[in-house]
């Protein structure tokens, strides 16, 4: 079940290579674990029953649910995801699994997935704008990552620079200013989850969709 590349909670998922990448961290997955991830991504936000996953991924192979639990354990270990406070995969007891992290496919909206994904995004109304590693421009110009169509917004109004697990906001000399937490941005400001950023009269919300943790060790448990 090889699918196209997609971004998942700050990770770049490349099914054809059986690997997931975030910044400098690269984790290789076994093919069946990747197949489970692709299936969940294709139904992101939906509860996928255990028997559906097993039938789809393992086809006519005769296996118990232990193989699926092992695959989910491998995925959580790769992403540093906590089953008790999931940011990637949620267990729905006696039903199945649900992908809770946002998914952005390579061809969604006619744009490519950033080759350097980050765990950060901006929320603008009903739009979710994924931020890439490096510079992310905000403004009125058509080429910026976060485009705001307002005469009170400069063409290149502000910039968010992502470096690993840090995101720093700067104003780029805009006429109407940039504000975060109610204060005007006069110098670079490190952003935190939930920060409200005001650009002209438009409010964006900075969100953290998941920061990679350390790889889990040990054996799968019933909480998987």
Protein backbone atom coordinates (compact mmCIF):
# COMPACT_ATOMS: atom_id res chain seq x y z
CA UNK A 1 0.00 0.00 0.00
CA UNK A 2 2.50 2.61 -1.16
CA UNK A 3 0.99 6.11 -1.17
CA UNK A 4 2.12 9.63 -1.95
CA UNK A 5 4.12 11.71 0.50
CA UNK A 6 2.33 13.69 3.19
CA UNK A 7 2.98 15.87 6.20
CA UNK A 8 1.77 14.59 9.57
CA UNK A 9 2.01 16.69 12.72
CA UNK A 10 5.33 18.20 11.70
CA UNK A 11 6.75 15.01 10.13
CA UNK A 12 7.35 14.33 6.47
CA UNK A 13 6.07 10.83 5.69
CA UNK A 14 7.52 9.12 2.61
CA UNK A 15 5.77 5.76 2.12
CA UNK A 16 7.86 4.76 -0.91
CA UNK A 17 10.99 5.02 1.26
CA UNK A 18 9.38 3.58 4.42
CA UNK A 19 10.61 6.53 6.44
CA UNK A 20 9.43 9.55 8.42
CA UNK A 21 11.50 12.69 8.86
CA UNK A 22 11.38 15.72 11.15
CA UNK A 23 14.28 18.15 10.94
CA UNK A 24 17.47 16.14 11.24
CA UNK A 25 15.70 13.09 12.67
CA UNK A 26 15.02 10.22 10.26
CA UNK A 27 13.21 7.03 11.34
CA UNK A 28 12.78 4.00 9.08
CA UNK A 29 9.62 1.93 9.48
CA UNK A 30 8.83 -1.64 8.58
CA UNK A 31 6.57 -1.87 5.50
CA UNK A 32 3.51 -3.12 7.44
CA UNK A 33 3.80 -0.30 9.98
CA UNK A 34 3.97 2.21 7.13
CA UNK A 35 0.94 0.58 5.49
CA UNK A 36 -1.02 1.03 8.73
CA UNK A 37 0.01 4.68 8.88
CA UNK A 38 -0.99 5.32 5.26
CA UNK A 39 -4.40 3.70 5.81
CA UNK A 40 -5.04 5.82 8.91
CA UNK A 41 -3.91 8.94 7.03
CA UNK A 42 -6.32 8.20 4.20
CA UNK A 43 -9.11 8.27 6.81
CA UNK A 44 -7.64 10.97 9.05
CA UNK A 45 -9.96 11.92 11.91
CA UNK A 46 -12.09 8.80 11.46
CA UNK A 47 -12.09 5.73 13.68
CA UNK A 48 -10.78 2.80 11.64
CA UNK A 49 -11.80 -0.57 13.04
CA UNK A 50 -9.10 -3.07 13.93
CA UNK A 51 -10.55 -5.72 11.63
CA UNK A 52 -10.60 -3.24 8.71
CA UNK A 53 -6.92 -2.40 9.24
CA UNK A 54 -5.96 -6.07 9.50
CA UNK A 55 -7.97 -7.07 6.42
CA UNK A 56 -6.54 -4.18 4.37
CA UNK A 57 -2.89 -4.33 5.43
CA UNK A 58 -2.41 -8.06 5.95
CA UNK A 59 -4.96 -9.10 3.31
CA UNK A 60 -5.49 -12.86 3.47
CA UNK A 61 -2.71 -13.56 5.92
CA UNK A 62 -3.96 -15.29 9.07
CA UNK A 63 -2.88 -13.16 12.01
CA UNK A 64 -4.21 -12.05 15.35
CA UNK A 65 -4.49 -8.47 16.55
CA UNK A 66 -1.00 -8.69 18.09
CA UNK A 67 0.58 -7.84 14.71
CA UNK A 68 -1.50 -4.67 14.53
CA UNK A 69 -0.61 -3.72 18.11
CA UNK A 70 3.06 -4.21 17.31
CA UNK A 71 2.74 -1.96 14.24
CA UNK A 72 1.00 0.77 16.25
CA UNK A 73 3.64 0.48 18.97
CA UNK A 74 6.35 0.92 16.31
CA UNK A 75 4.62 4.02 14.94
CA UNK A 76 4.25 5.58 18.38
CA UNK A 77 7.89 4.87 19.14
CA UNK A 78 8.95 6.51 15.88
CA UNK A 79 6.93 9.66 16.55
CA UNK A 80 7.58 9.75 20.31
CA UNK A 81 3.80 9.63 20.77
CA UNK A 82 2.27 8.95 24.19
CA UNK A 83 -0.74 6.57 24.02
CA UNK A 84 -2.16 8.21 27.17
CA UNK A 85 -1.94 11.72 25.68
CA UNK A 86 -1.79 11.07 21.93
CA UNK A 87 -0.84 13.70 19.39
CA UNK A 88 -0.55 11.28 16.47
CA UNK A 89 -2.54 8.05 16.98
CA UNK A 90 -5.44 7.62 19.38
CA UNK A 91 -6.66 4.22 20.57
CA UNK A 92 -10.45 3.91 20.64
CA UNK A 93 -11.05 1.03 23.11
CA UNK A 94 -12.77 -2.03 21.62
CA UNK A 95 -13.12 -0.26 18.27
CA UNK A 96 -9.87 0.69 16.57
CA UNK A 97 -7.55 3.61 15.96
CA UNK A 98 -7.85 7.21 14.87
CA UNK A 99 -5.24 9.58 13.46
CA UNK A 100 -5.55 12.85 15.39
CA UNK A 101 -2.64 14.79 13.86
CA UNK A 102 -3.46 16.92 10.78
CA UNK A 103 -2.58 15.41 7.41
CA UNK A 104 -1.47 17.40 4.36
CA UNK A 105 -1.02 15.41 1.16
CA UNK A 106 1.59 16.26 -1.45
CA UNK A 107 -0.97 17.33 -4.03
CA UNK A 108 -3.51 18.94 -1.66
CA UNK A 109 -4.55 22.31 -3.04
CA UNK A 110 -2.11 21.92 -5.91
CA UNK A 111 0.89 22.47 -3.65
CA UNK A 112 3.73 20.21 -2.63
CA UNK A 113 4.35 19.15 0.96
CA UNK A 114 7.29 21.12 2.34
CA UNK A 115 10.40 18.92 2.20
CA UNK A 116 11.26 20.18 5.68
CA UNK A 117 8.06 19.94 7.70
CA UNK A 118 7.76 21.44 11.16
CA UNK A 119 5.40 20.81 14.08
CA UNK A 120 3.96 24.32 13.75
CA UNK A 121 0.99 25.86 11.96
CA UNK A 122 -1.02 29.08 11.77
CA UNK A 123 -4.80 29.08 11.98
CA UNK A 124 -6.53 31.79 9.97
CA UNK A 125 -10.29 31.42 10.11
CA UNK A 126 -10.97 27.96 8.70
CA UNK A 127 -7.54 27.78 7.05
CA UNK A 128 -4.64 25.85 8.51
CA UNK A 129 -1.27 27.00 7.19
CA UNK A 130 1.58 24.55 7.82
CA UNK A 131 4.91 26.17 8.63
CA UNK A 132 8.11 24.77 7.17
CA UNK A 133 11.58 24.62 8.64
CA UNK A 134 13.31 27.94 7.91
CA UNK A 135 11.65 31.21 6.85
CA UNK A 136 7.85 31.55 6.59
CA UNK A 137 6.73 34.94 5.30
CA UNK A 138 3.37 36.51 6.22
CA UNK A 139 1.86 39.25 4.11
CA UNK A 140 -0.15 40.33 1.08
CA UNK A 141 2.28 39.23 -1.64
CA UNK A 142 1.18 36.15 -3.63
CA UNK A 143 4.43 34.25 -3.02
CA UNK A 144 4.36 34.29 0.81
CA UNK A 145 3.47 31.19 2.83
CA UNK A 146 0.70 32.87 4.86
CA UNK A 147 -1.08 35.24 2.48
CA UNK A 148 -3.52 37.76 3.95
CA UNK A 149 -5.65 39.73 1.49
CA UNK A 150 -6.02 43.06 3.30
CA UNK A 151 -4.92 46.59 2.44
CA UNK A 152 -3.74 46.99 6.05
CA UNK A 153 -1.23 44.19 5.59
CA UNK A 154 2.15 44.88 3.97
CA UNK A 155 3.36 42.70 1.10
CA UNK A 156 6.06 41.21 3.34
CA UNK A 157 4.61 42.07 6.73
CA UNK A 158 6.21 39.62 9.16
CA UNK A 159 8.29 36.46 9.29
CA UNK A 160 8.25 33.30 11.38
CA UNK A 161 11.56 31.46 11.40
CA UNK A 162 11.37 27.81 12.40
CA UNK A 163 14.47 26.07 13.71
CA UNK A 164 13.83 22.61 15.13
CA UNK A 165 11.43 23.00 18.04
CA UNK A 166 11.54 26.83 18.10
CA UNK A 167 9.50 29.34 16.12
CA UNK A 168 10.46 33.02 16.25
CA UNK A 169 8.28 35.88 14.99
CA UNK A 170 9.70 39.15 13.59
CA UNK A 171 8.04 42.24 12.14
CA UNK A 172 9.55 43.26 8.78
CA UNK A 173 9.10 47.01 9.15
CA UNK A 174 5.39 46.92 8.40
CA UNK A 175 3.35 50.15 8.47
CA UNK A 176 0.63 48.87 10.82
CA UNK A 177 2.78 46.65 12.98
CA UNK A 178 2.66 43.09 14.22
CA UNK A 179 1.29 42.19 17.64
CA UNK A 180 1.56 39.02 19.72
CA UNK A 181 -0.10 38.49 23.12
CA UNK A 182 -1.35 42.07 22.77
CA UNK A 183 2.14 43.58 22.55
CA UNK A 184 3.72 45.16 19.51
CA UNK A 185 6.64 43.16 18.15
CA UNK A 186 9.72 45.37 18.35
CA UNK A 187 12.27 42.54 18.48
CA UNK A 188 12.19 38.80 17.64
CA UNK A 189 9.67 36.94 19.83
CA UNK A 190 9.60 33.20 20.44
CA UNK A 191 6.10 31.83 19.95
CA UNK A 192 4.18 29.44 22.19
CA UNK A 193 1.18 27.23 21.45
CA UNK A 194 -2.03 29.27 21.35
CA UNK A 195 -0.39 32.67 20.83
CA UNK A 196 -2.64 35.15 19.00
CA UNK A 197 -0.82 37.12 16.32
CA UNK A 198 -2.41 40.28 14.97
CA UNK A 199 -1.38 41.37 11.47
CA UNK A 200 -3.15 44.62 10.58
CA UNK A 201 -6.67 43.77 11.72
CA UNK A 202 -6.35 40.03 11.07
CA UNK A 203 -5.79 37.55 13.89
CA UNK A 204 -3.89 34.31 13.42
CA UNK A 205 -3.42 31.63 16.06
CA UNK A 206 -0.08 29.86 16.37
CA UNK A 207 -0.45 26.14 17.03
CA UNK A 208 1.97 23.35 17.90
CA UNK A 209 0.82 20.11 16.31
CA UNK A 210 3.39 17.86 17.96
CA UNK A 211 7.07 18.00 18.80
CA UNK A 212 9.09 14.81 18.37
CA UNK A 213 9.94 13.10 21.62
CA UNK A 214 12.41 10.42 22.48
CA UNK A 215 11.96 6.94 21.07
CA UNK A 216 10.04 4.60 23.37
CA UNK A 217 11.56 1.31 24.37
CA UNK A 218 10.18 -1.91 25.68
CA UNK A 219 7.33 -4.17 24.56
CA UNK A 220 3.82 -3.29 23.44
CA UNK A 221 1.26 -3.22 26.21
CA UNK A 222 -2.53 -3.43 26.32
CA UNK A 223 -2.70 0.39 26.20
CA UNK A 224 -1.56 0.19 22.59
